[in-house]
Protein backbone atom coordinates (compact mmCIF):
# COMPACT_ATOMS: atom_id res chain seq x y z
CA UNK A 1 -32.82 33.94 34.89
CA UNK A 2 -35.36 34.14 37.70
CA UNK A 3 -34.31 32.66 41.03
CA UNK A 4 -35.91 29.30 41.84
CA UNK A 5 -38.29 29.25 44.79
CA UNK A 6 -36.92 27.53 47.85
CA UNK A 7 -38.93 24.29 47.87
CA UNK A 8 -38.52 21.61 50.52
CA UNK A 9 -37.68 18.04 49.50
CA UNK A 10 -40.87 16.75 47.87
CA UNK A 11 -39.92 13.04 47.75
CA UNK A 12 -42.24 12.04 50.62
CA UNK A 13 -45.05 13.99 48.94
CA UNK A 14 -44.83 11.78 45.84
CA UNK A 15 -45.16 8.69 48.04
CA UNK A 16 -48.25 10.17 49.73
CA UNK A 17 -49.78 11.08 46.34
CA UNK A 18 -49.13 7.58 45.02
CA UNK A 19 -50.67 5.96 48.12
CA UNK A 20 -53.74 8.25 48.05
CA UNK A 21 -54.27 7.73 44.32
CA UNK A 22 -54.13 3.95 44.79
CA UNK A 23 -56.59 4.20 47.69
CA UNK A 24 -58.99 6.35 45.66
CA UNK A 25 -58.88 4.08 42.62
CA UNK A 26 -59.51 1.05 44.82
CA UNK A 27 -62.39 2.63 46.77
CA UNK A 28 -64.07 4.07 43.66
CA UNK A 29 -63.49 0.99 41.52
CA UNK A 30 -61.59 2.96 38.90
CA UNK A 31 -59.28 1.25 36.41
CA UNK A 32 -55.52 1.30 36.97
CA UNK A 33 -54.82 3.70 34.14
CA UNK A 34 -56.74 6.42 36.02
CA UNK A 35 -54.26 6.34 38.90
CA UNK A 36 -51.70 8.64 37.24
CA UNK A 37 -54.37 11.24 36.44
CA UNK A 38 -55.64 11.20 40.00
CA UNK A 39 -52.08 11.41 41.32
CA UNK A 40 -51.48 14.48 39.13
CA UNK A 41 -54.69 16.10 40.40
CA UNK A 42 -53.65 15.45 43.99
CA UNK A 43 -50.17 16.89 43.43
CA UNK A 44 -51.55 19.96 41.64
CA UNK A 45 -53.93 20.62 44.53
CA UNK A 46 -51.09 20.14 47.01
CA UNK A 47 -48.83 22.60 45.15
CA UNK A 48 -51.58 25.23 45.23
CA UNK A 49 -51.78 24.82 49.01
CA UNK A 50 -48.02 24.60 49.65
CA UNK A 51 -47.77 28.29 50.49
CA UNK A 52 -49.89 27.61 53.61
CA UNK A 53 -47.39 25.03 54.90
CA UNK A 54 -45.68 25.91 58.18
CA UNK A 55 -42.69 23.63 58.98
CA UNK A 56 -42.96 24.54 62.67
CA UNK A 57 -46.42 22.96 62.94
CA UNK A 58 -45.93 19.62 61.16
CA UNK A 59 -43.82 17.64 58.78
CA UNK A 60 -44.34 18.05 55.06
CA UNK A 61 -45.64 14.48 54.62
CA UNK A 62 -48.34 15.04 57.27
CA UNK A 63 -49.39 18.32 55.63
CA UNK A 64 -49.44 16.58 52.23
CA UNK A 65 -51.56 13.71 53.62
CA UNK A 66 -54.19 16.10 54.96
CA UNK A 67 -54.26 18.14 51.75
CA UNK A 68 -54.50 15.05 49.56
CA UNK A 69 -57.20 13.43 51.69
CA UNK A 70 -59.33 16.56 51.28
CA UNK A 71 -58.62 16.70 47.55
CA UNK A 72 -59.41 12.97 47.32
CA UNK A 73 -62.78 13.60 48.95
CA UNK A 74 -63.57 16.23 46.33
CA UNK A 75 -62.44 13.93 43.51
CA UNK A 76 -64.56 11.07 44.88
CA UNK A 77 -67.60 13.37 45.11
CA UNK A 78 -67.06 14.47 41.50
CA UNK A 79 -66.72 10.87 40.27
CA UNK A 80 -69.88 9.77 42.09
CA UNK A 81 -71.83 12.74 40.72
CA UNK A 82 -70.70 11.90 37.19
CA UNK A 83 -71.71 8.27 37.66
CA UNK A 84 -75.16 9.24 38.89
CA UNK A 85 -75.60 11.57 35.93
CA UNK A 86 -74.62 8.86 33.44
CA UNK A 87 -76.37 5.92 35.05
CA UNK A 88 -77.77 3.81 32.21
CA UNK A 89 -81.48 3.20 32.36
CA UNK A 90 -83.19 0.10 31.13
CA UNK A 91 -86.48 0.26 29.31
CA UNK A 92 -87.60 -2.48 31.70
CA UNK A 93 -86.93 -0.35 34.81
CA UNK A 94 -90.04 0.29 36.86
CA UNK A 95 -90.95 3.95 37.26
CA UNK A 96 -91.05 5.13 40.86
CA UNK A 97 -94.52 5.69 42.29
CA UNK A 98 -96.21 3.37 39.78
CA UNK A 99 -97.26 -0.23 39.89
CA UNK A 100 -95.81 -2.19 37.00
CA UNK A 101 -95.30 0.77 34.64
CA UNK A 102 -91.95 0.54 32.90
CA UNK A 103 -89.98 3.25 31.16
CA UNK A 104 -90.44 1.45 27.83
CA UNK A 105 -94.22 1.44 28.15
CA UNK A 106 -94.29 5.23 28.45
CA UNK A 107 -92.58 5.77 25.09
CA UNK A 108 -94.82 6.17 22.07
CA UNK A 109 -93.94 4.84 18.65
CA UNK A 110 -92.61 8.23 17.62
CA UNK A 111 -90.50 8.29 20.79
CA UNK A 112 -89.23 4.74 20.41
CA UNK A 113 -85.86 3.67 21.71
CA UNK A 114 -84.16 4.72 18.48
CA UNK A 115 -85.69 8.20 18.70
CA UNK A 116 -84.80 8.35 22.37
CA UNK A 117 -81.17 7.73 21.40
CA UNK A 118 -81.33 10.49 18.80
CA UNK A 119 -81.96 8.47 15.68
CA UNK A 120 -84.64 9.71 13.28
CA UNK A 121 -87.88 7.77 13.09
CA UNK A 122 -90.37 7.71 10.26
CA UNK A 123 -93.81 6.22 10.95
CA UNK A 124 -94.80 6.44 7.28
CA UNK A 125 -91.74 4.45 6.19
CA UNK A 126 -92.45 1.85 8.88
CA UNK A 127 -96.07 1.54 7.71
CA UNK A 128 -94.96 1.18 4.09
CA UNK A 129 -92.46 -1.49 5.12
CA UNK A 130 -95.20 -3.46 6.93
CA UNK A 131 -97.51 -3.19 3.90
CA UNK A 132 -94.71 -4.29 1.55
CA UNK A 133 -93.98 -7.30 3.75
CA UNK A 134 -97.67 -8.24 3.88
CA UNK A 135 -97.90 -7.97 0.07
CA UNK A 136 -94.67 -9.96 -0.35
CA UNK A 137 -96.01 -12.65 1.98
CA UNK A 138 -98.85 -13.15 -0.50
CA UNK A 139 -96.31 -13.67 -3.30
CA UNK A 140 -94.63 -16.56 -1.49
CA UNK A 141 -95.88 -19.96 -2.56
CA UNK A 142 -98.02 -21.57 0.20
CA UNK A 143 -95.88 -24.71 -0.15
CA UNK A 144 -92.90 -22.61 1.04
CA UNK A 145 -94.60 -21.36 4.23
CA UNK A 146 -93.32 -24.30 6.33
CA UNK A 147 -89.81 -23.65 4.97
CA UNK A 148 -90.06 -19.95 5.91
CA UNK A 149 -91.25 -20.88 9.39
CA UNK A 150 -88.36 -23.34 9.80
CA UNK A 151 -85.85 -20.73 8.60
CA UNK A 152 -86.90 -18.39 11.42
CA UNK A 153 -85.43 -20.91 13.87
CA UNK A 154 -82.68 -22.65 11.85
CA UNK A 155 -80.11 -21.85 9.22
CA UNK A 156 -80.60 -23.59 5.87
CA UNK A 157 -77.71 -25.91 6.74
CA UNK A 158 -79.23 -26.85 10.13
CA UNK A 159 -82.65 -27.40 8.54
CA UNK A 160 -81.07 -29.68 5.93
CA UNK A 161 -79.37 -31.67 8.71
CA UNK A 162 -82.80 -32.41 10.22
CA UNK A 163 -83.51 -34.50 7.12
CA UNK A 164 -86.97 -33.10 6.38
CA UNK A 165 -85.91 -31.75 2.99
CA UNK A 166 -82.78 -32.19 0.86
CA UNK A 167 -80.33 -29.33 1.30
CA UNK A 168 -80.15 -28.59 -2.44
CA UNK A 169 -83.93 -28.24 -2.57
CA UNK A 170 -83.85 -25.84 0.43
CA UNK A 171 -81.32 -23.58 -1.30
CA UNK A 172 -83.21 -23.75 -4.61
CA UNK A 173 -86.50 -22.76 -2.88
CA UNK A 174 -84.74 -19.88 -1.05
CA UNK A 175 -83.32 -18.62 -4.36
CA UNK A 176 -86.78 -18.76 -5.99
CA UNK A 177 -88.34 -16.91 -3.02
CA UNK A 178 -85.69 -14.19 -3.28
CA UNK A 179 -86.39 -13.76 -6.99
CA UNK A 180 -90.14 -13.48 -6.33
CA UNK A 181 -89.55 -10.91 -3.58
CA UNK A 182 -87.25 -8.92 -5.88
CA UNK A 183 -89.92 -9.03 -8.60
CA UNK A 184 -92.45 -7.77 -6.01
CA UNK A 185 -90.20 -4.79 -5.30
CA UNK A 186 -88.57 -5.97 -2.07
CA UNK A 187 -84.83 -6.01 -2.36
CA UNK A 188 -82.01 -6.11 0.15
CA UNK A 189 -81.98 -3.18 2.58
CA UNK A 190 -79.09 -0.86 1.80
């Protein structure tokens, strides 16, 4: 069995690591569950530097405080860099150096928000969908146009509560519109 290295009492070092981890979490606005990870990072950094400790120059707790403050500065710099790299952008954010030009206005249809997030886009499918909806709109009875307009703002139940049309008639008209749209080739999106 290899002889154990002669380590000084590390109890005050744990207290320093705990205090510094709490301070870092508080100053960086990190959640509580991050404290143990930061404390481990601080202790690991301290143990790497322990060979440079000279008991004649200072106490172990003072040496640990200096080491952990420096390590804390590096951790804080890393956290801030990661936050800057992952800062969410809004499509309504103004672009610097422009007057009123937003990020969203610079994206073409092919580069829409979905494409920007990595989802595939298909302009042909979107065009076909618009043409199908226009054709289906012609298949809806003109007497049902006010009902369709009301259903864009209200549920069938809410519209029935307004008293403009009996609720049973609303549901019957919706069922007939669905059947006409199915006959026109527009079914539920899978």
